[in-house]
Amino acid sequence: MSPKYPFSATWGMTREAWDAKREEMRAMLAGIASSRATITYGEVSQIMFDGHFSARSSALAQMLEEVCTIEDGIHGTMLGSVVVRADSGIPGKGYFTFATDKLGRPLDPADRASCYTFWRSEVERVWDTYQALEDAARGDGPD
């Protein structure tokens, strides 16, 4: 049974296929985070949807929001912080609006400096969290 989220669209997929794809995305992003890396929206779109949805598609945005909502509830971080624009190296405007409007993060999405500072802090927290989870899974944690 699929958990309840405030999202209803599955963009032409069955609910089960959408949920499986979302879990695949979550796992992929967790791996990227544990490597202290980032990935572009275009790369995520190509990997996850074989180019059927563009980097600017509502489907990709929704799936990223779902992943962020779930992971924020579990780990208190926005896993989608590792997904960035190819031209700027930071997330797009929707990321910052989502952080404020849906997750209640304190920042001004209209202030570029505030957004950059917020993202740098959040992506560091994401990297630290998922690197620690990876280390623990391998048994490399603190003695």
N, C-alpha and C. Protein backbone atom coordinates (compact mmCIF):
# COMPACT_ATOMS: atom_id res chain seq x y z
N MET A 1 0.85 -1.19 0.00
CA MET A 1 0.00 0.00 0.00
C MET A 1 0.89 1.24 0.00
N SER A 2 0.56 2.18 -0.81
CA SER A 2 1.33 3.40 -0.96
C SER A 2 0.96 4.41 0.12
N PRO A 3 1.97 5.12 0.68
CA PRO A 3 1.65 6.15 1.67
C PRO A 3 0.87 7.29 1.03
N LYS A 4 0.17 8.04 1.84
CA LYS A 4 -0.61 9.18 1.35
C LYS A 4 0.26 10.42 1.30
N TYR A 5 0.25 11.12 0.18
CA TYR A 5 0.97 12.37 0.00
C TYR A 5 0.02 13.36 -0.62
N PRO A 6 0.32 14.64 -0.52
CA PRO A 6 -0.58 15.63 -1.10
C PRO A 6 -0.47 15.71 -2.62
N PHE A 7 0.11 14.70 -3.25
CA PHE A 7 0.28 14.67 -4.69
C PHE A 7 -0.66 13.61 -5.26
N SER A 8 -1.28 13.92 -6.38
CA SER A 8 -2.20 12.94 -6.95
C SER A 8 -1.83 12.54 -8.37
N ALA A 9 -1.16 13.39 -9.12
CA ALA A 9 -0.83 13.08 -10.51
C ALA A 9 0.24 11.99 -10.57
N THR A 10 0.11 11.11 -11.55
CA THR A 10 1.13 10.09 -11.79
C THR A 10 1.63 10.17 -13.23
N TRP A 11 1.24 11.20 -13.94
CA TRP A 11 1.78 11.52 -15.26
C TRP A 11 1.76 10.35 -16.23
N GLY A 12 0.63 9.66 -16.28
CA GLY A 12 0.45 8.57 -17.23
C GLY A 12 0.94 7.22 -16.74
N MET A 13 1.48 7.17 -15.54
CA MET A 13 1.94 5.91 -14.96
C MET A 13 0.89 5.41 -13.98
N THR A 14 0.91 4.12 -13.71
CA THR A 14 0.06 3.63 -12.62
C THR A 14 0.64 4.15 -11.31
N ARG A 15 -0.15 4.18 -10.28
CA ARG A 15 0.32 4.63 -8.97
C ARG A 15 1.51 3.77 -8.53
N GLU A 16 1.43 2.46 -8.76
CA GLU A 16 2.51 1.57 -8.35
C GLU A 16 3.79 1.87 -9.12
N ALA A 17 3.68 2.13 -10.41
CA ALA A 17 4.86 2.46 -11.23
C ALA A 17 5.46 3.79 -10.79
N TRP A 18 4.59 4.78 -10.52
CA TRP A 18 5.07 6.09 -10.06
C TRP A 18 5.81 5.95 -8.73
N ASP A 19 5.21 5.23 -7.80
CA ASP A 19 5.83 5.06 -6.48
C ASP A 19 7.17 4.32 -6.60
N ALA A 20 7.25 3.34 -7.48
CA ALA A 20 8.50 2.60 -7.68
C ALA A 20 9.56 3.52 -8.29
N LYS A 21 9.16 4.35 -9.24
CA LYS A 21 10.07 5.30 -9.89
C LYS A 21 10.56 6.32 -8.86
N ARG A 22 9.65 6.77 -7.99
CA ARG A 22 10.03 7.72 -6.94
C ARG A 22 11.06 7.09 -6.00
N GLU A 23 10.87 5.83 -5.65
CA GLU A 23 11.84 5.15 -4.77
C GLU A 23 13.18 4.99 -5.49
N GLU A 24 13.14 4.71 -6.77
CA GLU A 24 14.37 4.62 -7.57
C GLU A 24 15.10 5.96 -7.56
N MET A 25 14.34 7.05 -7.72
CA MET A 25 14.94 8.39 -7.68
C MET A 25 15.52 8.67 -6.30
N ARG A 26 14.78 8.34 -5.26
CA ARG A 26 15.27 8.56 -3.90
C ARG A 26 16.59 7.84 -3.67
N ALA A 27 16.67 6.59 -4.10
CA ALA A 27 17.89 5.81 -3.92
C ALA A 27 19.05 6.40 -4.73
N MET A 28 18.76 6.83 -5.95
CA MET A 28 19.80 7.43 -6.78
C MET A 28 20.32 8.71 -6.14
N LEU A 29 19.42 9.58 -5.69
CA LEU A 29 19.83 10.83 -5.07
C LEU A 29 20.57 10.60 -3.76
N ALA A 30 20.17 9.58 -3.01
CA ALA A 30 20.87 9.25 -1.77
C ALA A 30 22.30 8.82 -2.08
N GLY A 31 22.49 8.06 -3.14
CA GLY A 31 23.83 7.65 -3.55
C GLY A 31 24.68 8.85 -3.96
N ILE A 32 24.09 9.78 -4.68
CA ILE A 32 24.79 10.99 -5.09
C ILE A 32 25.16 11.81 -3.85
N ALA A 33 24.22 11.93 -2.93
CA ALA A 33 24.47 12.69 -1.70
C ALA A 33 25.58 12.04 -0.88
N SER A 34 25.58 10.73 -0.78
CA SER A 34 26.60 10.06 0.03
C SER A 34 27.99 10.22 -0.59
N SER A 35 28.03 10.54 -1.88
CA SER A 35 29.31 10.80 -2.58
C SER A 35 29.67 12.28 -2.54
N ARG A 36 28.84 13.09 -1.89
CA ARG A 36 29.06 14.54 -1.79
C ARG A 36 29.12 15.17 -3.18
N ALA A 37 28.20 14.77 -4.03
CA ALA A 37 28.15 15.26 -5.40
C ALA A 37 26.80 15.91 -5.68
N THR A 38 26.66 16.46 -6.88
CA THR A 38 25.38 16.97 -7.36
C THR A 38 25.11 16.37 -8.73
N ILE A 39 23.90 16.56 -9.21
CA ILE A 39 23.46 16.08 -10.52
C ILE A 39 22.52 17.14 -11.09
N THR A 40 22.51 17.30 -12.40
CA THR A 40 21.64 18.32 -12.99
C THR A 40 20.22 17.78 -13.19
N TYR A 41 19.29 18.72 -13.30
CA TYR A 41 17.91 18.34 -13.59
C TYR A 41 17.84 17.54 -14.88
N GLY A 42 18.60 17.95 -15.89
CA GLY A 42 18.60 17.24 -17.17
C GLY A 42 19.09 15.82 -17.02
N GLU A 43 20.14 15.62 -16.23
CA GLU A 43 20.66 14.27 -16.02
C GLU A 43 19.64 13.41 -15.28
N VAL A 44 18.99 13.98 -14.27
CA VAL A 44 17.96 13.24 -13.53
C VAL A 44 16.83 12.85 -14.47
N SER A 45 16.39 13.79 -15.29
CA SER A 45 15.30 13.52 -16.23
C SER A 45 15.68 12.40 -17.20
N GLN A 46 16.89 12.45 -17.71
CA GLN A 46 17.33 11.43 -18.67
C GLN A 46 17.42 10.06 -18.00
N ILE A 47 18.01 10.01 -16.81
CA ILE A 47 18.17 8.74 -16.10
C ILE A 47 16.82 8.17 -15.67
N MET A 48 15.98 9.02 -15.06
CA MET A 48 14.73 8.53 -14.48
C MET A 48 13.62 8.32 -15.50
N PHE A 49 13.57 9.18 -16.50
CA PHE A 49 12.43 9.15 -17.42
C PHE A 49 12.85 8.94 -18.87
N ASP A 50 14.11 8.58 -19.08
CA ASP A 50 14.63 8.32 -20.43
C ASP A 50 14.28 9.45 -21.39
N GLY A 51 14.29 10.68 -20.87
CA GLY A 51 14.03 11.84 -21.69
C GLY A 51 12.56 12.10 -22.00
N HIS A 52 11.64 11.28 -21.46
CA HIS A 52 10.21 11.48 -21.73
C HIS A 52 9.67 12.75 -21.07
N PHE A 53 10.31 13.18 -20.00
CA PHE A 53 9.97 14.44 -19.34
C PHE A 53 11.20 15.32 -19.36
N SER A 54 11.02 16.59 -19.61
CA SER A 54 12.16 17.50 -19.69
C SER A 54 12.65 17.87 -18.28
N ALA A 55 13.80 18.51 -18.25
CA ALA A 55 14.36 18.96 -16.98
C ALA A 55 13.46 19.99 -16.31
N ARG A 56 12.61 20.65 -17.08
CA ARG A 56 11.70 21.67 -16.54
C ARG A 56 10.27 21.18 -16.41
N SER A 57 10.06 19.89 -16.52
CA SER A 57 8.70 19.36 -16.50
C SER A 57 8.08 19.37 -15.12
N SER A 58 6.77 19.48 -15.09
CA SER A 58 6.03 19.41 -13.83
C SER A 58 6.15 18.02 -13.22
N ALA A 59 6.28 16.99 -14.04
CA ALA A 59 6.41 15.63 -13.53
C ALA A 59 7.70 15.48 -12.72
N LEU A 60 8.80 15.98 -13.26
CA LEU A 60 10.07 15.90 -12.53
C LEU A 60 9.99 16.72 -11.26
N ALA A 61 9.44 17.92 -11.34
CA ALA A 61 9.30 18.77 -10.16
C ALA A 61 8.47 18.08 -9.09
N GLN A 62 7.37 17.46 -9.49
CA GLN A 62 6.52 16.78 -8.52
C GLN A 62 7.25 15.63 -7.85
N MET A 63 7.96 14.83 -8.65
CA MET A 63 8.65 13.69 -8.05
C MET A 63 9.73 14.17 -7.09
N LEU A 64 10.45 15.23 -7.45
CA LEU A 64 11.45 15.78 -6.53
C LEU A 64 10.79 16.29 -5.25
N GLU A 65 9.64 16.92 -5.37
CA GLU A 65 8.92 17.39 -4.18
C GLU A 65 8.51 16.22 -3.30
N GLU A 66 8.05 15.14 -3.92
CA GLU A 66 7.67 13.96 -3.14
C GLU A 66 8.89 13.39 -2.40
N VAL A 67 10.01 13.25 -3.12
CA VAL A 67 11.22 12.74 -2.49
C VAL A 67 11.63 13.64 -1.33
N CYS A 68 11.62 14.95 -1.56
CA CYS A 68 12.01 15.90 -0.51
C CYS A 68 11.07 15.83 0.69
N THR A 69 9.78 15.72 0.44
CA THR A 69 8.80 15.65 1.52
C THR A 69 9.03 14.40 2.37
N ILE A 70 9.23 13.28 1.71
CA ILE A 70 9.44 12.01 2.43
C ILE A 70 10.74 12.07 3.23
N GLU A 71 11.82 12.45 2.56
CA GLU A 71 13.12 12.46 3.22
C GLU A 71 13.22 13.52 4.31
N ASP A 72 12.53 14.64 4.14
CA ASP A 72 12.51 15.65 5.19
C ASP A 72 11.84 15.08 6.44
N GLY A 73 10.79 14.30 6.25
CA GLY A 73 10.12 13.68 7.38
C GLY A 73 10.97 12.64 8.09
N ILE A 74 11.85 11.98 7.34
CA ILE A 74 12.70 10.93 7.91
C ILE A 74 14.00 11.50 8.48
N HIS A 75 14.69 12.32 7.68
CA HIS A 75 16.02 12.79 8.05
C HIS A 75 16.13 14.28 8.32
N GLY A 76 15.05 15.03 8.07
CA GLY A 76 15.08 16.47 8.31
C GLY A 76 15.92 17.24 7.31
N THR A 77 16.11 16.66 6.14
CA THR A 77 16.88 17.33 5.08
C THR A 77 16.13 17.23 3.76
N MET A 78 16.47 18.14 2.86
CA MET A 78 15.88 18.15 1.52
C MET A 78 16.83 17.43 0.57
N LEU A 79 16.59 16.14 0.34
CA LEU A 79 17.46 15.34 -0.50
C LEU A 79 17.59 15.92 -1.90
N GLY A 80 16.56 16.61 -2.38
CA GLY A 80 16.60 17.24 -3.69
C GLY A 80 17.62 18.36 -3.80
N SER A 81 18.28 18.70 -2.71
CA SER A 81 19.31 19.73 -2.73
C SER A 81 20.48 19.35 -3.63
N VAL A 82 20.63 18.07 -3.92
CA VAL A 82 21.73 17.64 -4.79
C VAL A 82 21.41 17.80 -6.26
N VAL A 83 20.17 18.19 -6.58
CA VAL A 83 19.77 18.39 -7.98
C VAL A 83 19.88 19.88 -8.30
N VAL A 84 20.68 20.19 -9.33
CA VAL A 84 21.01 21.58 -9.63
C VAL A 84 20.82 21.90 -11.11
N ARG A 85 20.77 23.18 -11.39
CA ARG A 85 20.70 23.65 -12.78
C ARG A 85 22.09 23.53 -13.40
N ALA A 86 22.14 23.16 -14.67
CA ALA A 86 23.41 23.03 -15.37
C ALA A 86 24.10 24.39 -15.53
N ASP A 87 23.32 25.45 -15.69
CA ASP A 87 23.91 26.76 -15.96
C ASP A 87 24.41 27.49 -14.72
N SER A 88 23.85 27.18 -13.54
CA SER A 88 24.23 27.92 -12.34
C SER A 88 24.88 27.05 -11.26
N GLY A 89 24.64 25.74 -11.32
CA GLY A 89 25.19 24.85 -10.30
C GLY A 89 24.43 24.85 -9.00
N ILE A 90 23.27 25.53 -8.96
CA ILE A 90 22.41 25.51 -7.78
C ILE A 90 20.99 25.17 -8.24
N PRO A 91 20.12 24.79 -7.31
CA PRO A 91 18.74 24.47 -7.69
C PRO A 91 18.01 25.68 -8.29
N GLY A 92 16.91 25.38 -8.97
CA GLY A 92 16.07 26.41 -9.55
C GLY A 92 15.14 27.05 -8.54
N LYS A 93 14.41 28.07 -8.99
CA LYS A 93 13.51 28.84 -8.12
C LYS A 93 12.49 27.96 -7.40
N GLY A 94 11.99 26.93 -8.08
CA GLY A 94 10.98 26.07 -7.47
C GLY A 94 11.46 25.40 -6.20
N TYR A 95 12.73 25.08 -6.16
CA TYR A 95 13.34 24.46 -4.97
C TYR A 95 13.19 25.37 -3.76
N PHE A 96 13.50 26.65 -3.95
CA PHE A 96 13.46 27.59 -2.84
C PHE A 96 12.02 27.91 -2.43
N THR A 97 11.13 28.00 -3.39
CA THR A 97 9.72 28.22 -3.08
C THR A 97 9.16 27.03 -2.31
N PHE A 98 9.48 25.83 -2.76
CA PHE A 98 9.04 24.61 -2.08
C PHE A 98 9.58 24.58 -0.65
N ALA A 99 10.86 24.92 -0.48
CA ALA A 99 11.48 24.91 0.84
C ALA A 99 10.74 25.82 1.81
N THR A 100 10.33 26.97 1.31
CA THR A 100 9.63 27.95 2.15
C THR A 100 8.16 27.59 2.33
N ASP A 101 7.45 27.41 1.22
CA ASP A 101 6.00 27.22 1.25
C ASP A 101 5.56 25.87 1.81
N LYS A 102 6.27 24.81 1.45
CA LYS A 102 5.84 23.46 1.85
C LYS A 102 6.56 22.92 3.07
N LEU A 103 7.84 23.24 3.21
CA LEU A 103 8.61 22.70 4.33
C LEU A 103 8.88 23.71 5.44
N GLY A 104 8.46 24.96 5.21
CA GLY A 104 8.58 25.98 6.25
C GLY A 104 9.99 26.44 6.55
N ARG A 105 10.89 26.28 5.58
CA ARG A 105 12.26 26.72 5.81
C ARG A 105 12.31 28.25 5.80
N PRO A 106 13.08 28.83 6.72
CA PRO A 106 13.15 30.29 6.81
C PRO A 106 14.13 30.90 5.79
N LEU A 107 13.61 31.36 4.67
CA LEU A 107 14.43 32.07 3.69
C LEU A 107 13.52 32.89 2.81
N ASP A 108 14.11 33.83 2.13
CA ASP A 108 13.37 34.68 1.20
C ASP A 108 13.69 34.22 -0.21
N PRO A 109 12.77 33.50 -0.88
CA PRO A 109 13.04 32.99 -2.22
C PRO A 109 13.36 34.08 -3.25
N ALA A 110 13.03 35.33 -2.96
CA ALA A 110 13.32 36.42 -3.89
C ALA A 110 14.73 36.99 -3.69
N ASP A 111 15.38 36.64 -2.61
CA ASP A 111 16.71 37.16 -2.31
C ASP A 111 17.76 36.13 -2.72
N ARG A 112 18.49 36.42 -3.80
CA ARG A 112 19.47 35.47 -4.33
C ARG A 112 20.53 35.08 -3.31
N ALA A 113 21.03 36.04 -2.57
CA ALA A 113 22.06 35.75 -1.58
C ALA A 113 21.52 34.82 -0.49
N SER A 114 20.30 35.08 -0.04
CA SER A 114 19.65 34.24 0.96
C SER A 114 19.47 32.82 0.42
N CYS A 115 19.07 32.72 -0.83
CA CYS A 115 18.86 31.41 -1.45
C CYS A 115 20.17 30.63 -1.53
N TYR A 116 21.22 31.29 -1.98
CA TYR A 116 22.51 30.61 -2.11
C TYR A 116 23.01 30.15 -0.74
N THR A 117 22.92 31.01 0.25
CA THR A 117 23.36 30.66 1.61
C THR A 117 22.55 29.49 2.14
N PHE A 118 21.23 29.54 1.94
CA PHE A 118 20.36 28.45 2.38
C PHE A 118 20.77 27.16 1.70
N TRP A 119 20.91 27.18 0.37
CA TRP A 119 21.24 25.96 -0.38
C TRP A 119 22.58 25.39 0.07
N ARG A 120 23.60 26.23 0.20
CA ARG A 120 24.92 25.72 0.62
C ARG A 120 24.81 25.02 1.97
N SER A 121 24.08 25.61 2.90
CA SER A 121 23.90 25.01 4.21
C SER A 121 23.13 23.69 4.10
N GLU A 122 22.06 23.71 3.32
CA GLU A 122 21.21 22.51 3.19
C GLU A 122 21.94 21.39 2.48
N VAL A 123 22.65 21.69 1.40
CA VAL A 123 23.34 20.62 0.67
C VAL A 123 24.46 20.03 1.53
N GLU A 124 25.11 20.83 2.34
CA GLU A 124 26.13 20.30 3.26
C GLU A 124 25.49 19.35 4.26
N ARG A 125 24.32 19.74 4.79
CA ARG A 125 23.59 18.87 5.74
C ARG A 125 23.18 17.57 5.07
N VAL A 126 22.70 17.67 3.82
CA VAL A 126 22.31 16.48 3.05
C VAL A 126 23.53 15.58 2.85
N TRP A 127 24.64 16.16 2.39
CA TRP A 127 25.85 15.36 2.17
C TRP A 127 26.30 14.68 3.45
N ASP A 128 26.32 15.42 4.56
CA ASP A 128 26.74 14.86 5.83
C ASP A 128 25.82 13.71 6.27
N THR A 129 24.52 13.94 6.15
CA THR A 129 23.53 12.93 6.56
C THR A 129 23.68 11.65 5.76
N TYR A 130 23.73 11.76 4.44
CA TYR A 130 23.75 10.56 3.60
C TYR A 130 25.12 9.90 3.58
N GLN A 131 26.18 10.67 3.79
CA GLN A 131 27.50 10.06 3.92
C GLN A 131 27.55 9.24 5.21
N ALA A 132 26.99 9.78 6.30
CA ALA A 132 26.94 9.05 7.57
C ALA A 132 26.10 7.79 7.45
N LEU A 133 24.97 7.86 6.73
CA LEU A 133 24.13 6.68 6.53
C LEU A 133 24.87 5.62 5.72
N GLU A 134 25.60 6.05 4.70
CA GLU A 134 26.39 5.12 3.88
C GLU A 134 27.50 4.49 4.72
N ASP A 135 28.18 5.30 5.52
CA ASP A 135 29.24 4.79 6.39
C ASP A 135 28.68 3.76 7.37
N ALA A 136 27.53 4.07 7.96
CA ALA A 136 26.90 3.16 8.92
C ALA A 136 26.51 1.84 8.24
N ALA A 137 26.00 1.93 7.01
CA ALA A 137 25.60 0.73 6.29
C ALA A 137 26.81 -0.17 5.99
N ARG A 138 27.96 0.46 5.79
CA ARG A 138 29.19 -0.31 5.53
C ARG A 138 29.90 -0.72 6.82
N GLY A 139 29.43 -0.21 7.95
CA GLY A 139 30.08 -0.49 9.23
C GLY A 139 31.29 0.37 9.48
N ASP A 140 31.35 1.54 8.76
CA ASP A 140 32.48 2.45 8.92
C ASP A 140 32.22 3.56 9.91
N GLY A 141 31.20 3.43 10.72
CA GLY A 141 30.84 4.50 11.64
C GLY A 141 31.86 4.68 12.74
N PRO A 142 31.64 5.67 13.60
CA PRO A 142 32.55 5.91 14.73
C PRO A 142 32.62 4.71 15.65
N ASP A 143 33.77 4.50 16.26
CA ASP A 143 33.94 3.36 17.17
C ASP A 143 33.25 3.57 18.48
